[in-house]
PDB file of N, CA and C in Angstrom:
ATOM      1  N   ARG A   1     -25.295  -2.485 -27.373  1.00  0.00           N
ATOM      2  CA  ARG A   1     -26.173  -2.767 -25.639  1.00  0.00           C
ATOM      3  C   ARG A   1     -26.630  -1.172 -26.037  1.00  0.00           C
ATOM      4  N   SER A   2     -25.811  -0.600 -25.940  1.00  0.00           N
ATOM      5  CA  SER A   2     -26.453   0.498 -25.283  1.00  0.00           C
ATOM      6  C   SER A   2     -27.565   1.823 -26.101  1.00  0.00           C
ATOM      7  N   LEU A   3     -27.423   0.725 -27.252  1.00  0.00           N
ATOM      8  CA  LEU A   3     -28.308   1.929 -27.496  1.00  0.00           C
ATOM      9  C   LEU A   3     -30.361   1.390 -27.571  1.00  0.00           C
ATOM     10  N   LEU A   4     -30.458   0.009 -27.054  1.00  0.00           N
ATOM     11  CA  LEU A   4     -31.677  -1.315 -26.399  1.00  0.00           C
ATOM     12  C   LEU A   4     -31.832  -1.019 -24.592  1.00  0.00           C
ATOM     13  N   PHE A   5     -30.307  -0.030 -24.037  1.00  0.00           N
ATOM     14  CA  PHE A   5     -30.415   0.613 -23.365  1.00  0.00           C
ATOM     15  C   PHE A   5     -31.085   1.873 -22.804  1.00  0.00           C
ATOM     16  N   THR A   6     -31.073   2.712 -23.687  1.00  0.00           N
ATOM     17  CA  THR A   6     -30.254   3.985 -23.480  1.00  0.00           C
ATOM     18  C   THR A   6     -32.018   4.647 -23.642  1.00  0.00           C
ATOM     19  N   ARG A   7     -32.328   5.749 -22.740  1.00  0.00           N
ATOM     20  CA  ARG A   7     -33.466   6.728 -22.188  1.00  0.00           C
ATOM     21  C   ARG A   7     -33.384   7.911 -23.032  1.00  0.00           C
ATOM     22  N   GLY A   8     -33.701   7.726 -23.879  1.00  0.00           N
ATOM     23  CA  GLY A   8     -33.792   9.228 -24.855  1.00  0.00           C
ATOM     24  C   GLY A   8     -32.994   9.038 -26.104  1.00  0.00           C
ATOM     25  N   SER A   9     -33.253  10.134 -26.757  1.00  0.00           N
ATOM     26  CA  SER A   9     -32.864  10.293 -27.796  1.00  0.00           C
ATOM     27  C   SER A   9     -31.405  10.212 -27.871  1.00  0.00           C
ATOM     28  N   GLU A  10     -30.413  10.637 -27.223  1.00  0.00           N
ATOM     29  CA  GLU A  10     -28.978  10.087 -27.285  1.00  0.00           C
ATOM     30  C   GLU A  10     -28.741   9.230 -26.664  1.00  0.00           C
ATOM     31  N   ILE A  11     -26.947   8.868 -26.467  1.00  0.00           N
ATOM     32  CA  ILE A  11     -26.365   8.531 -26.073  1.00  0.00           C
ATOM     33  C   ILE A  11     -25.341   9.275 -24.549  1.00  0.00           C
ATOM     34  N   THR A  12     -25.370   8.206 -23.367  1.00  0.00           N
ATOM     35  CA  THR A  12     -24.202   9.449 -23.150  1.00  0.00           C
ATOM     36  C   THR A  12     -23.306   8.733 -22.385  1.00  0.00           C
ATOM     37  N   GLU A  13     -21.929   8.858 -21.776  1.00  0.00           N
ATOM     38  CA  GLU A  13     -21.468   8.181 -20.730  1.00  0.00           C
ATOM     39  C   GLU A  13     -21.700   6.816 -20.902  1.00  0.00           C
ATOM     40  N   LEU A  14     -22.894   7.771 -19.038  1.00  0.00           N
ATOM     41  CA  LEU A  14     -23.548   6.700 -18.435  1.00  0.00           C
ATOM     42  C   LEU A  14     -24.165   5.285 -19.064  1.00  0.00           C
ATOM     43  N   ASP A  15     -24.598   5.945 -20.790  1.00  0.00           N
ATOM     44  CA  ASP A  15     -25.426   4.670 -20.851  1.00  0.00           C
ATOM     45  C   ASP A  15     -24.079   4.156 -21.662  1.00  0.00           C
ATOM     46  N   LEU A  16     -23.108   3.965 -21.755  1.00  0.00           N
ATOM     47  CA  LEU A  16     -21.895   3.613 -22.453  1.00  0.00           C
ATOM     48  C   LEU A  16     -21.076   1.979 -21.493  1.00  0.00           C
ATOM     49  N   GLU A  17     -21.413   2.985 -20.078  1.00  0.00           N
ATOM     50  CA  GLU A  17     -21.121   2.791 -18.717  1.00  0.00           C
ATOM     51  C   GLU A  17     -18.926   2.515 -18.991  1.00  0.00           C
ATOM     52  N   MET A  18     -19.102   3.726 -19.301  1.00  0.00           N
ATOM     53  CA  MET A  18     -17.026   4.633 -19.299  1.00  0.00           C
ATOM     54  C   MET A  18     -16.611   4.913 -18.388  1.00  0.00           C
ATOM     55  N   PRO A  19     -15.640   4.305 -17.798  1.00  0.00           N
ATOM     56  CA  PRO A  19     -15.339   4.487 -16.465  1.00  0.00           C
ATOM     57  C   PRO A  19     -14.559   6.162 -15.918  1.00  0.00           C
ATOM     58  N   PRO A  20     -14.857   6.877 -15.642  1.00  0.00           N
ATOM     59  CA  PRO A  20     -13.949   8.330 -15.497  1.00  0.00           C
ATOM     60  C   PRO A  20     -13.560   8.329 -16.051  1.00  0.00           C
ATOM     61  N   GLN A  21     -12.554  10.123 -16.937  1.00  0.00           N
ATOM     62  CA  GLN A  21     -11.831   9.387 -17.439  1.00  0.00           C
ATOM     63  C   GLN A  21     -10.019  10.775 -15.960  1.00  0.00           C
ATOM     64  N   SER A  22      -8.993  10.254 -15.504  1.00  0.00           N
ATOM     65  CA  SER A  22      -8.292  10.207 -15.312  1.00  0.00           C
ATOM     66  C   SER A  22      -8.203  11.877 -15.429  1.00  0.00           C
ATOM     67  N   THR A  23      -7.823  12.900 -14.370  1.00  0.00           N
ATOM     68  CA  THR A  23      -7.628  13.437 -14.771  1.00  0.00           C
ATOM     69  C   THR A  23      -6.228  14.695 -14.184  1.00  0.00           C
ATOM     70  N   GLY A  24      -5.726  15.017 -15.106  1.00  0.00           N
ATOM     71  CA  GLY A  24      -4.562  15.774 -15.507  1.00  0.00           C
ATOM     72  C   GLY A  24      -2.825  14.856 -13.762  1.00  0.00           C
ATOM     73  N   ALA A  25      -3.596  16.087 -13.033  1.00  0.00           N
ATOM     74  CA  ALA A  25      -3.366  15.785 -11.469  1.00  0.00           C
ATOM     75  C   ALA A  25      -3.336  14.042 -11.035  1.00  0.00           C
ATOM     76  N   ASP A  26      -4.082  13.223 -11.321  1.00  0.00           N
ATOM     77  CA  ASP A  26      -4.879  12.090 -10.886  1.00  0.00           C
ATOM     78  C   ASP A  26      -3.323  11.561 -11.609  1.00  0.00           C
ATOM     79  N   ALA A  27      -3.310  11.434 -13.057  1.00  0.00           N
ATOM     80  CA  ALA A  27      -2.088  11.418 -14.066  1.00  0.00           C
ATOM     81  C   ALA A  27      -0.852  11.540 -13.322  1.00  0.00           C
ATOM     82  N   LEU A  28      -0.217  12.829 -13.340  1.00  0.00           N
ATOM     83  CA  LEU A  28       0.900  13.184 -12.388  1.00  0.00           C
ATOM     84  C   LEU A  28       1.596  12.713 -10.505  1.00  0.00           C
ATOM     85  N   LYS A  29       0.601  12.019 -10.462  1.00  0.00           N
ATOM     86  CA  LYS A  29      -0.182  11.505  -9.067  1.00  0.00           C
ATOM     87  C   LYS A  29       0.454  10.150  -8.968  1.00  0.00           C
ATOM     88  N   ASP A  30      -0.044   9.609  -9.774  1.00  0.00           N
ATOM     89  CA  ASP A  30       0.219   8.188 -10.835  1.00  0.00           C
ATOM     90  C   ASP A  30       1.290   8.369 -10.545  1.00  0.00           C
ATOM     91  N   LEU A  31       2.309   8.570 -12.009  1.00  0.00           N
ATOM     92  CA  LEU A  31       3.605   8.671 -12.477  1.00  0.00           C
ATOM     93  C   LEU A  31       4.294   8.958 -10.692  1.00  0.00           C
ATOM     94  N   LYS A  32       3.902   9.894 -10.297  1.00  0.00           N
ATOM     95  CA  LYS A  32       5.020  10.557  -8.754  1.00  0.00           C
ATOM     96  C   LYS A  32       4.645   9.577  -8.214  1.00  0.00           C
ATOM     97  N   ASP A  33       3.876   8.188  -8.227  1.00  0.00           N
ATOM     98  CA  ASP A  33       4.131   7.156  -6.721  1.00  0.00           C
ATOM     99  C   ASP A  33       4.912   5.963  -7.823  1.00  0.00           C
ATOM    100  N   ASN A  34       4.860   6.458  -9.400  1.00  0.00           N
ATOM    101  CA  ASN A  34       5.890   4.950  -9.382  1.00  0.00           C
ATOM    102  C   ASN A  34       7.129   5.542  -9.439  1.00  0.00           C
ATOM    103  N   ALA A  35       6.947   6.299  -9.700  1.00  0.00           N
ATOM    104  CA  ALA A  35       9.248   6.482  -9.481  1.00  0.00           C
ATOM    105  C   ALA A  35       9.879   6.912  -8.435  1.00  0.00           C
ATOM    106  N   LEU A  36       8.404   7.463  -7.194  1.00  0.00           N
ATOM    107  CA  LEU A  36       9.149   7.095  -5.899  1.00  0.00           C
ATOM    108  C   LEU A  36       9.002   5.570  -5.591  1.00  0.00           C
ATOM    109  N   GLY A  37       7.966   4.221  -5.845  1.00  0.00           N
ATOM    110  CA  GLY A  37       7.825   3.364  -5.744  1.00  0.00           C
ATOM    111  C   GLY A  37       9.886   2.605  -5.974  1.00  0.00           C
ATOM    112  N   ARG A  38       9.812   3.443  -7.847  1.00  0.00           N
ATOM    113  CA  ARG A  38      10.851   2.257  -7.988  1.00  0.00           C
ATOM    114  C   ARG A  38      12.567   3.145  -7.164  1.00  0.00           C
ATOM    115  N   VAL A  39      12.304   3.816  -6.919  1.00  0.00           N
ATOM    116  CA  VAL A  39      13.581   4.711  -6.301  1.00  0.00           C
ATOM    117  C   VAL A  39      14.173   3.473  -4.998  1.00  0.00           C
ATOM    118  N   GLU A  40      12.543   3.626  -4.707  1.00  0.00           N
ATOM    119  CA  GLU A  40      12.742   2.371  -3.307  1.00  0.00           C
ATOM    120  C   GLU A  40      13.035   0.939  -3.465  1.00  0.00           C
ATOM    121  N   GLN A  41      12.208   0.300  -4.373  1.00  0.00           N
ATOM    122  CA  GLN A  41      13.232  -0.690  -4.731  1.00  0.00           C
ATOM    123  C   GLN A  41      14.951  -1.277  -4.942  1.00  0.00           C
ATOM    124  N   ASP A  42      15.510   0.399  -5.745  1.00  0.00           N
ATOM    125  CA  ASP A  42      16.264   0.974  -6.278  1.00  0.00           C
ATOM    126  C   ASP A  42      16.718   0.005  -4.846  1.00  0.00           C
ATOM    127  N   PHE A  43      16.798   1.805  -3.884  1.00  0.00           N
ATOM    128  CA  PHE A  43      16.745   1.319  -2.723  1.00  0.00           C
ATOM    129  C   PHE A  43      17.630  -0.184  -1.613  1.00  0.00           C
ATOM    130  N   LEU A  44      15.698  -0.366  -1.287  1.00  0.00           N
ATOM    131  CA  LEU A  44      15.877  -2.205  -1.076  1.00  0.00           C
ATOM    132  C   LEU A  44      17.127  -2.625  -2.013  1.00  0.00           C
ATOM    133  N   GLU A  45      17.280  -3.441  -2.434  1.00  0.00           N
ATOM    134  CA  GLU A  45      17.754  -4.106  -3.457  1.00  0.00           C
ATOM    135  C   GLU A  45      19.787  -3.353  -3.410  1.00  0.00           C
ATOM    136  N   THR A  46      20.088  -1.867  -2.853  1.00  0.00           N
ATOM    137  CA  THR A  46      20.531  -1.911  -2.803  1.00  0.00           C
ATOM    138  C   THR A  46      21.580  -2.346  -1.815  1.00  0.00           C
ATOM    139  N   ALA A  47      20.404  -2.282  -0.254  1.00  0.00           N
ATOM    140  CA  ALA A  47      21.319  -2.429   0.653  1.00  0.00           C
ATOM    141  C   ALA A  47      20.742  -3.487   0.248  1.00  0.00           C
ATOM    142  N   LEU A  48      20.027  -4.315   0.211  1.00  0.00           N
ATOM    143  CA  LEU A  48      20.379  -6.935   0.434  1.00  0.00           C
ATOM    144  C   LEU A  48      21.607  -6.179  -0.323  1.00  0.00           C
ATOM    145  N   LYS A  49      21.832  -5.874  -1.199  1.00  0.00           N
ATOM    146  CA  LYS A  49      22.768  -6.643  -1.865  1.00  0.00           C
ATOM    147  C   LYS A  49      24.178  -5.990  -0.687  1.00  0.00           C
ATOM    148  N   GLN A  50      24.222  -4.656  -0.211  1.00  0.00           N
ATOM    149  CA  GLN A  50      25.394  -4.435   1.052  1.00  0.00           C
ATOM    150  C   GLN A  50      26.000  -5.635   1.345  1.00  0.00           C
ATOM    151  N   HIS A  51      24.826  -6.480   2.179  1.00  0.00           N
ATOM    152  CA  HIS A  51      23.887  -6.750   3.839  1.00  0.00           C
ATOM    153  C   HIS A  51      23.515  -7.952   3.199  1.00  0.00           C
ATOM    154  N   GLN A  52      24.149  -8.351   2.254  1.00  0.00           N
ATOM    155  CA  GLN A  52      23.692 -10.059   2.006  1.00  0.00           C
ATOM    156  C   GLN A  52      22.681 -10.232   2.322  1.00  0.00           C
ATOM    157  N   GLY A  53      21.918  -9.236   2.565  1.00  0.00           N
ATOM    158  CA  GLY A  53      19.937 -10.253   2.571  1.00  0.00           C
ATOM    159  C   GLY A  53      20.234 -10.146   3.979  1.00  0.00           C
ATOM    160  N   ASP A  54      21.465  -9.607   5.216  1.00  0.00           N
ATOM    161  CA  ASP A  54      20.543 -10.056   6.460  1.00  0.00           C
ATOM    162  C   ASP A  54      19.914  -8.975   6.983  1.00  0.00           C
ATOM    163  N   ILE A  55      18.404  -8.799   6.968  1.00  0.00           N
ATOM    164  CA  ILE A  55      17.521  -8.481   7.482  1.00  0.00           C
ATOM    165  C   ILE A  55      17.019  -7.404   8.582  1.00  0.00           C
ATOM    166  N   LYS A  56      17.496  -7.337   9.001  1.00  0.00           N
ATOM    167  CA  LYS A  56      17.823  -6.547  10.590  1.00  0.00           C
ATOM    168  C   LYS A  56      19.009  -5.150   9.660  1.00  0.00           C
ATOM    169  N   LYS A  57      20.119  -5.541   9.523  1.00  0.00           N
ATOM    170  CA  LYS A  57      20.993  -4.644   8.185  1.00  0.00           C
ATOM    171  C   LYS A  57      21.041  -3.635   8.145  1.00  0.00           C
ATOM    172  N   VAL A  58      19.881  -3.833   7.036  1.00  0.00           N
ATOM    173  CA  VAL A  58      19.287  -3.716   6.236  1.00  0.00           C
ATOM    174  C   VAL A  58      18.179  -2.955   6.654  1.00  0.00           C
ATOM    175  N   ALA A  59      17.733  -3.235   7.429  1.00  0.00           N
ATOM    176  CA  ALA A  59      16.210  -1.606   8.088  1.00  0.00           C
ATOM    177  C   ALA A  59      17.493  -1.219   9.028  1.00  0.00           C
ATOM    178  N   GLU A  60      18.172  -1.802   9.613  1.00  0.00           N
ATOM    179  CA  GLU A  60      18.810  -0.412  10.397  1.00  0.00           C
ATOM    180  C   GLU A  60      19.787   0.654   9.278  1.00  0.00           C
ATOM    181  N   ASN A  61      19.963  -0.132   8.481  1.00  0.00           N
ATOM    182  CA  ASN A  61      20.427   0.745   7.044  1.00  0.00           C
ATOM    183  C   ASN A  61      19.261   1.546   6.796  1.00  0.00           C
ATOM    184  N   MET A  62      17.653   1.365   6.393  1.00  0.00           N
ATOM    185  CA  MET A  62      17.353   1.905   5.994  1.00  0.00           C
ATOM    186  C   MET A  62      16.407   3.097   6.993  1.00  0.00           C
ATOM    187  N   GLY A  63      16.546   2.355   8.180  1.00  0.00           N
ATOM    188  CA  GLY A  63      15.651   3.426   9.258  1.00  0.00           C
ATOM    189  C   GLY A  63      14.815   2.968   9.248  1.00  0.00           C
ATOM    190  N   ILE A  64      14.599   1.836   9.371  1.00  0.00           N
ATOM    191  CA  ILE A  64      12.771   0.922   9.648  1.00  0.00           C
ATOM    192  C   ILE A  64      12.747   0.012  10.288  1.00  0.00           C
ATOM    193  N   THR A  65      11.882  -0.075  10.332  1.00  0.00           N
ATOM    194  CA  THR A  65      11.917  -2.029  11.618  1.00  0.00           C
ATOM    195  C   THR A  65      11.629  -3.038  10.600  1.00  0.00           C
ATOM    196  N   SER A  66      12.900  -3.825  10.921  1.00  0.00           N
ATOM    197  CA  SER A  66      12.621  -5.223   9.619  1.00  0.00           C
ATOM    198  C   SER A  66      11.237  -5.969   9.628  1.00  0.00           C
ATOM    199  N   ARG A  67      10.121  -5.845  10.118  1.00  0.00           N
ATOM    200  CA  ARG A  67       8.471  -6.117   9.442  1.00  0.00           C
ATOM    201  C   ARG A  67       8.653  -5.491   7.636  1.00  0.00           C
ATOM    202  N   ALA A  68       9.176  -3.588   7.747  1.00  0.00           N
ATOM    203  CA  ALA A  68       8.776  -3.567   6.897  1.00  0.00           C
ATOM    204  C   ALA A  68      10.013  -3.638   5.992  1.00  0.00           C
ATOM    205  N   VAL A  69      10.701  -4.161   6.358  1.00  0.00           N
ATOM    206  CA  VAL A  69      12.095  -4.246   5.156  1.00  0.00           C
ATOM    207  C   VAL A  69      10.959  -6.146   4.685  1.00  0.00           C
ATOM    208  N   TYR A  70      10.244  -6.791   5.288  1.00  0.00           N
ATOM    209  CA  TYR A  70       9.773  -7.463   4.741  1.00  0.00           C
ATOM    210  C   TYR A  70       8.433  -7.433   4.172  1.00  0.00           C
ATOM    211  N   GLY A  71       7.912  -5.739   4.509  1.00  0.00           N
ATOM    212  CA  GLY A  71       7.013  -5.750   3.827  1.00  0.00           C
ATOM    213  C   GLY A  71       6.961  -5.450   2.947  1.00  0.00           C
ATOM    214  N   LYS A  72       7.741  -4.431   2.464  1.00  0.00           N
ATOM    215  CA  LYS A  72       8.619  -4.377   0.458  1.00  0.00           C
ATOM    216  C   LYS A  72       9.558  -5.170   0.539  1.00  0.00           C
ATOM    217  N   VAL A  73       9.922  -6.680   0.386  1.00  0.00           N
ATOM    218  CA  VAL A  73      10.315  -7.868  -0.137  1.00  0.00           C
ATOM    219  C   VAL A  73       9.109  -7.860  -0.814  1.00  0.00           C
ATOM    220  N   LYS A  74       8.097  -7.753  -0.122  1.00  0.00           N
ATOM    221  CA  LYS A  74       6.996  -8.417  -0.130  1.00  0.00           C
ATOM    222  C   LYS A  74       6.110  -8.428  -1.521  1.00  0.00           C
ATOM    223  N   LYS A  75       5.850  -6.819  -1.065  1.00  0.00           N
ATOM    224  CA  LYS A  75       5.888  -5.585  -2.271  1.00  0.00           C
ATOM    225  C   LYS A  75       6.436  -5.605  -3.591  1.00  0.00           C
ATOM    226  N   TYR A  76       7.293  -5.786  -3.499  1.00  0.00           N
ATOM    227  CA  TYR A  76       8.627  -5.810  -4.622  1.00  0.00           C
ATOM    228  C   TYR A  76       8.556  -6.933  -5.288  1.00  0.00           C
ATOM    229  N   GLU A  77       8.271  -8.443  -4.224  1.00  0.00           N
ATOM    230  CA  GLU A  77       8.105  -9.842  -4.599  1.00  0.00           C
ATOM    231  C   GLU A  77       9.849  -9.965  -5.295  1.00  0.00           C
ATOM    232  N   ILE A  78      10.358  -9.315  -3.754  1.00  0.00           N
ATOM    233  CA  ILE A  78      12.579 -10.123  -4.195  1.00  0.00           C
ATOM    234  C   ILE A  78      12.371 -11.034  -3.429  1.00  0.00           C
ATOM    235  N   ASN A  79      13.617 -11.802  -4.139  1.00  0.00           N
ATOM    236  CA  ASN A  79      13.850 -13.019  -3.226  1.00  0.00           C
ATOM    237  C   ASN A  79      14.821 -13.682  -2.561  1.00  0.00           C
ATOM    238  N   LEU A  80      14.863 -13.497  -1.886  1.00  0.00           N
ATOM    239  CA  LEU A  80      15.063 -12.505  -0.613  1.00  0.00           C
ATOM    240  C   LEU A  80      16.239 -13.749  -0.868  1.00  0.00           C
ATOM    241  N   ALA A  81      16.516 -15.262  -1.120  1.00  0.00           N
ATOM    242  CA  ALA A  81      17.677 -16.043  -1.325  1.00  0.00           C
ATOM    243  C   ALA A  81      18.757 -15.449  -2.205  1.00  0.00           C
ATOM    244  N   ASP A  82      18.148 -14.740  -2.847  1.00  0.00           N
ATOM    245  CA  ASP A  82      18.904 -13.978  -4.333  1.00  0.00           C
ATOM    246  C   ASP A  82      20.367 -13.766  -3.536  1.00  0.00           C
ATOM    247  N   TYR A  83      19.736 -12.960  -2.509  1.00  0.00           N
ATOM    248  CA  TYR A  83      20.547 -11.638  -1.457  1.00  0.00           C
ATOM    249  C   TYR A  83      20.714 -12.399  -1.106  1.00  0.00           C
ATOM    250  N   ARG A  84      21.066 -14.064   0.187  1.00  0.00           N
ATOM    251  CA  ARG A  84      21.873 -14.098   0.757  1.00  0.00           C
ATOM    252  C   ARG A  84      22.000 -15.123   0.334  1.00  0.00           C
ATOM    253  N   SER A  85      22.432 -15.663  -0.610  1.00  0.00           N
ATOM    254  CA  SER A  85      23.921 -16.969  -1.369  1.00  0.00           C
ATOM    255  C   SER A  85      25.077 -15.627  -1.518  1.00  0.00           C
ATOM    256  N   LEU A  86      24.807 -15.200  -1.497  1.00  0.00           N
ATOM    257  CA  LEU A  86      26.230 -14.019  -1.408  1.00  0.00           C
ATOM    258  C   LEU A  86      26.739 -14.005  -0.204  1.00  0.00           C
ATOM    259  N   LYS A  87      26.920 -14.341   0.065  1.00  0.00           N
ATOM    260  CA  LYS A  87      27.270 -15.046   1.883  1.00  0.00           C
ATOM    261  C   LYS A  87      29.178 -15.294   1.424  1.00  0.00           C
ATOM    262  N   SER A  88      27.452 -16.246   0.225  1.00  0.00           N
ATOM    263  CA  SER A  88      28.892 -17.787   0.144  1.00  0.00           C
ATOM    264  C   SER A  88      29.278 -17.343  -0.761  1.00  0.00           C
ATOM    265  N   MET A  89      29.579 -16.809  -1.836  1.00  0.00           N
ATOM    266  CA  MET A  89      30.228 -15.448  -3.387  1.00  0.00           C
ATOM    267  C   MET A  89      31.580 -15.077  -2.094  1.00  0.00           C
ATOM    268  N   LEU A  90      30.967 -14.725  -1.065  1.00  0.00           N
ATOM    269  CA  LEU A  90      32.779 -13.729  -0.791  1.00  0.00           C
ATOM    270  C   LEU A  90      33.786 -14.530   0.105  1.00  0.00           C
TER     271      LEU A  90
END
């Protein structure tokens, strides 16, 4: 297909519609973002366990608003019922 639509005698990256390659800096940023995300999720899950899913207490513990906690719960697809059910086990 690229051969059919190539203008000129050589096929270039533009002809192949290849996505631009990420630089080393981009890869490092992605690695950092992923690592921070894992740490944040672990911290959130630990706080949820400690406070049996009580969002207000988790927010106070983390130093953020309850709304921010709900946003992170959604971001990491955490089921609050799993942590709230810990109350009945104690």
